[in-house]
């Protein structure tokens, strides 16, 4: 029997209703790896990243369809979403993030997380998919190459009240996707399955 390292606290039906799904690492072709830490007070991203649990002990983890979290879902939690995003065309892209409460959007120059840089953020909160409350929500133009993959990461902290997070991009053509299409995303950081019950030999 194989299991993920963390405990899932929601049934499959409930998660399907939120647009979430589970897939083994070997078949996780598209989507984003989402990790959630519950029972965390505060509204700043630092209230997530400064906790001991953030180093590798999420309350739940799963593959989501897009870089967008559920809306009005829970209070006092933090989350990290990670993926490799493939540029569909060469040219300048503009990224943006909306969230309640604070969030930070990072993009790497390649597939290596060590090369990531903060490109946009929310310091207070926004309504769902509202990307223009503040200039800091939007990145400058970033040149990407068609077919190349880039590491992308979102950190989000929710206190109380409403909650949401979503990442948008504007393509070189001027077309806008909010959120970034699932087909352009491959989950990053999904832990390998662990054996919790050894198989029993059987002769037939």
C-alpha atoms as a PDB file:
ATOM      1  CA  UNK A   1       0.000   0.000   0.000  1.00  0.00           C
ATOM      2  CA  UNK A   2       1.258   3.462  -0.872  1.00  0.00           C
ATOM      3  CA  UNK A   3       0.386   6.734   0.821  1.00  0.00           C
ATOM      4  CA  UNK A   4       1.472  10.328   0.808  1.00  0.00           C
ATOM      5  CA  UNK A   5       3.498  11.550   3.751  1.00  0.00           C
ATOM      6  CA  UNK A   6       0.813  13.953   5.002  1.00  0.00           C
ATOM      7  CA  UNK A   7      -2.734  13.529   6.243  1.00  0.00           C
ATOM      8  CA  UNK A   8      -5.611  14.506   3.983  1.00  0.00           C
ATOM      9  CA  UNK A   9      -8.439  15.984   6.037  1.00  0.00           C
ATOM     10  CA  UNK A  10     -11.134  16.209   3.368  1.00  0.00           C
ATOM     11  CA  UNK A  11     -13.061  13.468   1.585  1.00  0.00           C
ATOM     12  CA  UNK A  12     -12.715  13.077  -2.169  1.00  0.00           C
ATOM     13  CA  UNK A  13     -16.277  14.286  -2.781  1.00  0.00           C
ATOM     14  CA  UNK A  14     -15.658  17.486  -0.832  1.00  0.00           C
ATOM     15  CA  UNK A  15     -12.395  18.092  -2.645  1.00  0.00           C
ATOM     16  CA  UNK A  16     -13.985  17.470  -6.036  1.00  0.00           C
ATOM     17  CA  UNK A  17     -16.553  20.140  -5.156  1.00  0.00           C
ATOM     18  CA  UNK A  18     -13.666  22.574  -4.645  1.00  0.00           C
ATOM     19  CA  UNK A  19     -12.087  21.683  -7.994  1.00  0.00           C
ATOM     20  CA  UNK A  20      -9.282  19.643  -6.426  1.00  0.00           C
ATOM     21  CA  UNK A  21      -8.044  16.162  -7.200  1.00  0.00           C
ATOM     22  CA  UNK A  22      -5.424  13.593  -6.247  1.00  0.00           C
ATOM     23  CA  UNK A  23      -3.076  11.854  -8.631  1.00  0.00           C
ATOM     24  CA  UNK A  24       0.017   9.719  -8.045  1.00  0.00           C
ATOM     25  CA  UNK A  25       3.305  11.448  -8.800  1.00  0.00           C
ATOM     26  CA  UNK A  26       3.896   9.219 -11.821  1.00  0.00           C
ATOM     27  CA  UNK A  27       0.669  10.416 -13.488  1.00  0.00           C
ATOM     28  CA  UNK A  28       0.734  14.060 -12.377  1.00  0.00           C
ATOM     29  CA  UNK A  29       1.108  15.472 -15.871  1.00  0.00           C
ATOM     30  CA  UNK A  30      -0.662  18.792 -15.396  1.00  0.00           C
ATOM     31  CA  UNK A  31      -1.713  21.010 -12.515  1.00  0.00           C
ATOM     32  CA  UNK A  32      -0.049  22.505  -9.462  1.00  0.00           C
ATOM     33  CA  UNK A  33       1.234  20.979  -6.225  1.00  0.00           C
ATOM     34  CA  UNK A  34      -0.580  22.605  -3.297  1.00  0.00           C
ATOM     35  CA  UNK A  35       0.502  22.353   0.349  1.00  0.00           C
ATOM     36  CA  UNK A  36      -1.673  23.740   3.162  1.00  0.00           C
ATOM     37  CA  UNK A  37      -0.787  24.528   6.776  1.00  0.00           C
ATOM     38  CA  UNK A  38      -3.813  24.972   9.047  1.00  0.00           C
ATOM     39  CA  UNK A  39      -4.270  26.617  12.455  1.00  0.00           C
ATOM     40  CA  UNK A  40      -1.900  29.504  11.728  1.00  0.00           C
ATOM     41  CA  UNK A  41      -2.837  32.973  12.953  1.00  0.00           C
ATOM     42  CA  UNK A  42      -1.919  36.212  11.199  1.00  0.00           C
ATOM     43  CA  UNK A  43      -2.384  37.635   7.731  1.00  0.00           C
ATOM     44  CA  UNK A  44       1.215  38.152   6.517  1.00  0.00           C
ATOM     45  CA  UNK A  45       3.177  35.678   4.387  1.00  0.00           C
ATOM     46  CA  UNK A  46       5.838  35.704   7.114  1.00  0.00           C
ATOM     47  CA  UNK A  47       3.263  34.194   9.499  1.00  0.00           C
ATOM     48  CA  UNK A  48       3.539  31.099   7.297  1.00  0.00           C
ATOM     49  CA  UNK A  49       7.207  31.016   6.365  1.00  0.00           C
ATOM     50  CA  UNK A  50       8.455  31.705   9.900  1.00  0.00           C
ATOM     51  CA  UNK A  51       6.700  28.676  11.404  1.00  0.00           C
ATOM     52  CA  UNK A  52       8.557  25.453  12.165  1.00  0.00           C
ATOM     53  CA  UNK A  53       5.956  23.404  10.277  1.00  0.00           C
ATOM     54  CA  UNK A  54       6.709  25.240   7.017  1.00  0.00           C
ATOM     55  CA  UNK A  55      10.022  23.411   6.684  1.00  0.00           C
ATOM     56  CA  UNK A  56       8.194  20.272   5.586  1.00  0.00           C
ATOM     57  CA  UNK A  57       5.125  19.341   7.610  1.00  0.00           C
ATOM     58  CA  UNK A  58       1.940  20.535   5.855  1.00  0.00           C
ATOM     59  CA  UNK A  59      -1.507  19.610   7.151  1.00  0.00           C
ATOM     60  CA  UNK A  60      -2.462  18.427   3.669  1.00  0.00           C
ATOM     61  CA  UNK A  61      -1.029  18.293   0.173  1.00  0.00           C
ATOM     62  CA  UNK A  62      -2.519  17.448  -3.201  1.00  0.00           C
ATOM     63  CA  UNK A  63      -2.544  18.271  -6.898  1.00  0.00           C
ATOM     64  CA  UNK A  64      -4.826  21.142  -7.911  1.00  0.00           C
ATOM     65  CA  UNK A  65      -6.017  22.075 -11.373  1.00  0.00           C
ATOM     66  CA  UNK A  66      -4.621  25.608 -11.461  1.00  0.00           C
ATOM     67  CA  UNK A  67      -2.741  28.284  -9.524  1.00  0.00           C
ATOM     68  CA  UNK A  68      -5.959  29.289  -7.833  1.00  0.00           C
ATOM     69  CA  UNK A  69      -7.176  28.369  -4.390  1.00  0.00           C
ATOM     70  CA  UNK A  70     -10.765  27.864  -3.228  1.00  0.00           C
ATOM     71  CA  UNK A  71     -12.759  30.946  -2.214  1.00  0.00           C
ATOM     72  CA  UNK A  72     -14.264  31.422   1.271  1.00  0.00           C
ATOM     73  CA  UNK A  73     -12.903  28.042   2.273  1.00  0.00           C
ATOM     74  CA  UNK A  74     -11.180  28.285   5.654  1.00  0.00           C
ATOM     75  CA  UNK A  75      -9.688  30.680   8.215  1.00  0.00           C
ATOM     76  CA  UNK A  76      -6.189  30.860   9.705  1.00  0.00           C
ATOM     77  CA  UNK A  77      -4.217  28.862   7.170  1.00  0.00           C
ATOM     78  CA  UNK A  78      -1.271  29.292   4.834  1.00  0.00           C
ATOM     79  CA  UNK A  79      -0.464  27.604   1.563  1.00  0.00           C
ATOM     80  CA  UNK A  80       2.240  27.133  -1.022  1.00  0.00           C
ATOM     81  CA  UNK A  81       1.570  26.266  -4.668  1.00  0.00           C
ATOM     82  CA  UNK A  82       4.395  25.130  -6.960  1.00  0.00           C
ATOM     83  CA  UNK A  83       4.611  24.155 -10.616  1.00  0.00           C
ATOM     84  CA  UNK A  84       6.684  24.323 -13.764  1.00  0.00           C
ATOM     85  CA  UNK A  85       4.960  26.611 -16.236  1.00  0.00           C
ATOM     86  CA  UNK A  86       5.588  26.207 -19.974  1.00  0.00           C
ATOM     87  CA  UNK A  87       5.556  29.301 -22.141  1.00  0.00           C
ATOM     88  CA  UNK A  88       3.290  28.722 -25.171  1.00  0.00           C
ATOM     89  CA  UNK A  89       4.950  31.508 -27.195  1.00  0.00           C
ATOM     90  CA  UNK A  90       8.103  33.592 -27.106  1.00  0.00           C
ATOM     91  CA  UNK A  91       7.838  37.184 -25.972  1.00  0.00           C
ATOM     92  CA  UNK A  92       6.918  39.401 -23.037  1.00  0.00           C
ATOM     93  CA  UNK A  93       4.549  38.140 -20.350  1.00  0.00           C
ATOM     94  CA  UNK A  94       3.006  40.063 -17.474  1.00  0.00           C
ATOM     95  CA  UNK A  95       2.015  38.117 -14.378  1.00  0.00           C
ATOM     96  CA  UNK A  96      -0.346  39.283 -11.636  1.00  0.00           C
ATOM     97  CA  UNK A  97      -1.700  37.943  -8.351  1.00  0.00           C
ATOM     98  CA  UNK A  98      -4.876  38.558  -6.348  1.00  0.00           C
ATOM     99  CA  UNK A  99      -5.499  37.229  -2.849  1.00  0.00           C
ATOM    100  CA  UNK A 100      -7.113  37.542   0.572  1.00  0.00           C
ATOM    101  CA  UNK A 101      -5.110  38.009   2.697  1.00  0.00           C
ATOM    102  CA  UNK A 102      -1.441  38.557   1.708  1.00  0.00           C
ATOM    103  CA  UNK A 103       0.464  36.634  -0.964  1.00  0.00           C
ATOM    104  CA  UNK A 104       3.739  36.543  -2.884  1.00  0.00           C
ATOM    105  CA  UNK A 105       4.387  35.349  -6.452  1.00  0.00           C
ATOM    106  CA  UNK A 106       7.824  34.057  -7.481  1.00  0.00           C
ATOM    107  CA  UNK A 107       9.193  33.085 -10.892  1.00  0.00           C
ATOM    108  CA  UNK A 108      12.540  31.500 -11.757  1.00  0.00           C
ATOM    109  CA  UNK A 109      14.645  32.118 -14.836  1.00  0.00           C
ATOM    110  CA  UNK A 110      14.557  28.339 -15.406  1.00  0.00           C
ATOM    111  CA  UNK A 111      13.323  25.176 -13.652  1.00  0.00           C
ATOM    112  CA  UNK A 112      15.545  25.707 -10.598  1.00  0.00           C
ATOM    113  CA  UNK A 113      13.743  27.164  -7.534  1.00  0.00           C
ATOM    114  CA  UNK A 114      17.074  28.608  -6.349  1.00  0.00           C
ATOM    115  CA  UNK A 115      16.843  31.140  -9.183  1.00  0.00           C
ATOM    116  CA  UNK A 116      13.371  32.382  -8.294  1.00  0.00           C
ATOM    117  CA  UNK A 117      12.636  36.075  -7.711  1.00  0.00           C
ATOM    118  CA  UNK A 118       9.637  37.888  -6.250  1.00  0.00           C
ATOM    119  CA  UNK A 119       7.701  39.389  -9.167  1.00  0.00           C
ATOM    120  CA  UNK A 120       4.367  40.428  -7.608  1.00  0.00           C
ATOM    121  CA  UNK A 121       2.616  40.478  -4.253  1.00  0.00           C
ATOM    122  CA  UNK A 122      -0.439  41.457  -2.233  1.00  0.00           C
ATOM    123  CA  UNK A 123       0.282  43.107   1.115  1.00  0.00           C
ATOM    124  CA  UNK A 124      -3.291  43.375   2.391  1.00  0.00           C
ATOM    125  CA  UNK A 125      -6.162  41.708   0.482  1.00  0.00           C
ATOM    126  CA  UNK A 126      -8.253  41.825  -2.686  1.00  0.00           C
ATOM    127  CA  UNK A 127     -11.522  40.361  -3.860  1.00  0.00           C
ATOM    128  CA  UNK A 128     -11.265  37.226  -6.048  1.00  0.00           C
ATOM    129  CA  UNK A 129      -9.452  37.801  -9.371  1.00  0.00           C
ATOM    130  CA  UNK A 130      -9.075  41.542  -8.806  1.00  0.00           C
ATOM    131  CA  UNK A 131      -5.519  42.175 -10.046  1.00  0.00           C
ATOM    132  CA  UNK A 132      -5.447  45.977 -10.150  1.00  0.00           C
ATOM    133  CA  UNK A 133      -5.948  47.206  -6.566  1.00  0.00           C
ATOM    134  CA  UNK A 134      -2.241  48.021  -6.304  1.00  0.00           C
ATOM    135  CA  UNK A 135       0.674  48.257  -8.732  1.00  0.00           C
ATOM    136  CA  UNK A 136       2.653  45.667  -6.734  1.00  0.00           C
ATOM    137  CA  UNK A 137       0.135  43.001  -7.787  1.00  0.00           C
ATOM    138  CA  UNK A 138       1.494  43.078 -11.332  1.00  0.00           C
ATOM    139  CA  UNK A 139       4.926  42.112 -12.572  1.00  0.00           C
ATOM    140  CA  UNK A 140       6.981  44.016 -15.081  1.00  0.00           C
ATOM    141  CA  UNK A 141       7.250  42.494 -18.567  1.00  0.00           C
ATOM    142  CA  UNK A 142       9.137  39.190 -18.369  1.00  0.00           C
ATOM    143  CA  UNK A 143      10.576  37.588 -21.498  1.00  0.00           C
ATOM    144  CA  UNK A 144       9.896  33.856 -21.828  1.00  0.00           C
ATOM    145  CA  UNK A 145      10.861  31.429 -24.596  1.00  0.00           C
ATOM    146  CA  UNK A 146       8.304  29.167 -26.272  1.00  0.00           C
ATOM    147  CA  UNK A 147       8.428  25.573 -25.048  1.00  0.00           C
ATOM    148  CA  UNK A 148      10.710  26.316 -22.096  1.00  0.00           C
ATOM    149  CA  UNK A 149       9.661  25.551 -18.529  1.00  0.00           C
ATOM    150  CA  UNK A 150       9.977  27.947 -15.605  1.00  0.00           C
ATOM    151  CA  UNK A 151       9.532  27.334 -11.888  1.00  0.00           C
ATOM    152  CA  UNK A 152       6.616  29.303 -10.409  1.00  0.00           C
ATOM    153  CA  UNK A 153       5.606  29.527  -6.752  1.00  0.00           C
ATOM    154  CA  UNK A 154       2.851  31.188  -4.730  1.00  0.00           C
ATOM    155  CA  UNK A 155       2.825  31.773  -0.980  1.00  0.00           C
ATOM    156  CA  UNK A 156      -0.491  32.811   0.554  1.00  0.00           C
ATOM    157  CA  UNK A 157      -1.618  33.555   4.101  1.00  0.00           C
ATOM    158  CA  UNK A 158      -5.241  33.797   5.212  1.00  0.00           C
ATOM    159  CA  UNK A 159      -6.382  35.169   8.556  1.00  0.00           C
ATOM    160  CA  UNK A 160     -10.138  35.510   9.002  1.00  0.00           C
ATOM    161  CA  UNK A 161     -13.102  36.316   6.799  1.00  0.00           C
ATOM    162  CA  UNK A 162     -13.027  35.722   3.065  1.00  0.00           C
ATOM    163  CA  UNK A 163     -10.095  34.000   1.386  1.00  0.00           C
ATOM    164  CA  UNK A 164      -8.914  33.568  -2.184  1.00  0.00           C
ATOM    165  CA  UNK A 165      -5.774  33.486  -4.334  1.00  0.00           C
ATOM    166  CA  UNK A 166      -5.301  33.433  -8.115  1.00  0.00           C
ATOM    167  CA  UNK A 167      -2.459  34.024 -10.603  1.00  0.00           C
ATOM    168  CA  UNK A 168      -3.051  35.597 -14.009  1.00  0.00           C
ATOM    169  CA  UNK A 169      -0.810  36.141 -17.010  1.00  0.00           C
ATOM    170  CA  UNK A 170      -1.030  38.274 -20.126  1.00  0.00           C
ATOM    171  CA  UNK A 171       0.559  36.576 -23.134  1.00  0.00           C
ATOM    172  CA  UNK A 172       2.679  38.261 -25.843  1.00  0.00           C
ATOM    173  CA  UNK A 173      -0.431  38.262 -28.036  1.00  0.00           C
ATOM    174  CA  UNK A 174      -2.297  40.325 -25.478  1.00  0.00           C
ATOM    175  CA  UNK A 175      -4.594  37.460 -24.504  1.00  0.00           C
ATOM    176  CA  UNK A 176      -5.295  37.106 -20.775  1.00  0.00           C
ATOM    177  CA  UNK A 177      -5.654  33.879 -18.783  1.00  0.00           C
ATOM    178  CA  UNK A 178      -6.910  33.999 -15.203  1.00  0.00           C
ATOM    179  CA  UNK A 179      -5.887  31.578 -13.887  1.00  0.00           C
ATOM    180  CA  UNK A 180      -2.989  30.281 -16.003  1.00  0.00           C
ATOM    181  CA  UNK A 181      -4.322  27.252 -17.965  1.00  0.00           C
ATOM    182  CA  UNK A 182      -3.812  23.843 -16.390  1.00  0.00           C
ATOM    183  CA  UNK A 183      -2.281  22.519 -19.618  1.00  0.00           C
ATOM    184  CA  UNK A 184       0.683  24.880 -19.165  1.00  0.00           C
ATOM    185  CA  UNK A 185       1.450  23.638 -15.627  1.00  0.00           C
ATOM    186  CA  UNK A 186       3.267  20.582 -14.293  1.00  0.00           C
ATOM    187  CA  UNK A 187       3.236  19.964 -10.512  1.00  0.00           C
ATOM    188  CA  UNK A 188       6.590  20.579  -8.822  1.00  0.00           C
ATOM    189  CA  UNK A 189       7.812  19.086  -5.542  1.00  0.00           C
ATOM    190  CA  UNK A 190       5.354  16.207  -5.240  1.00  0.00           C
ATOM    191  CA  UNK A 191       6.839  13.793  -2.672  1.00  0.00           C
ATOM    192  CA  UNK A 192       7.473  10.201  -3.659  1.00  0.00           C
ATOM    193  CA  UNK A 193       5.020   7.611  -2.297  1.00  0.00           C
ATOM    194  CA  UNK A 194       6.093   5.728   0.821  1.00  0.00           C
ATOM    195  CA  UNK A 195       5.347   2.085   1.643  1.00  0.00           C
ATOM    196  CA  UNK A 196       3.208   1.930   4.787  1.00  0.00           C
ATOM    197  CA  UNK A 197       2.321  -1.794   4.530  1.00  0.00           C
ATOM    198  CA  UNK A 198       4.737  -4.276   3.051  1.00  0.00           C
ATOM    199  CA  UNK A 199       3.240  -6.556   0.399  1.00  0.00           C
ATOM    200  CA  UNK A 200       2.695 -10.181   1.302  1.00  0.00           C
ATOM    201  CA  UNK A 201       4.175 -12.891  -0.913  1.00  0.00           C
ATOM    202  CA  UNK A 202       1.587 -15.172  -2.458  1.00  0.00           C
ATOM    203  CA  UNK A 203       1.924 -18.290  -4.586  1.00  0.00           C
ATOM    204  CA  UNK A 204      -0.820 -19.187  -7.040  1.00  0.00           C
END
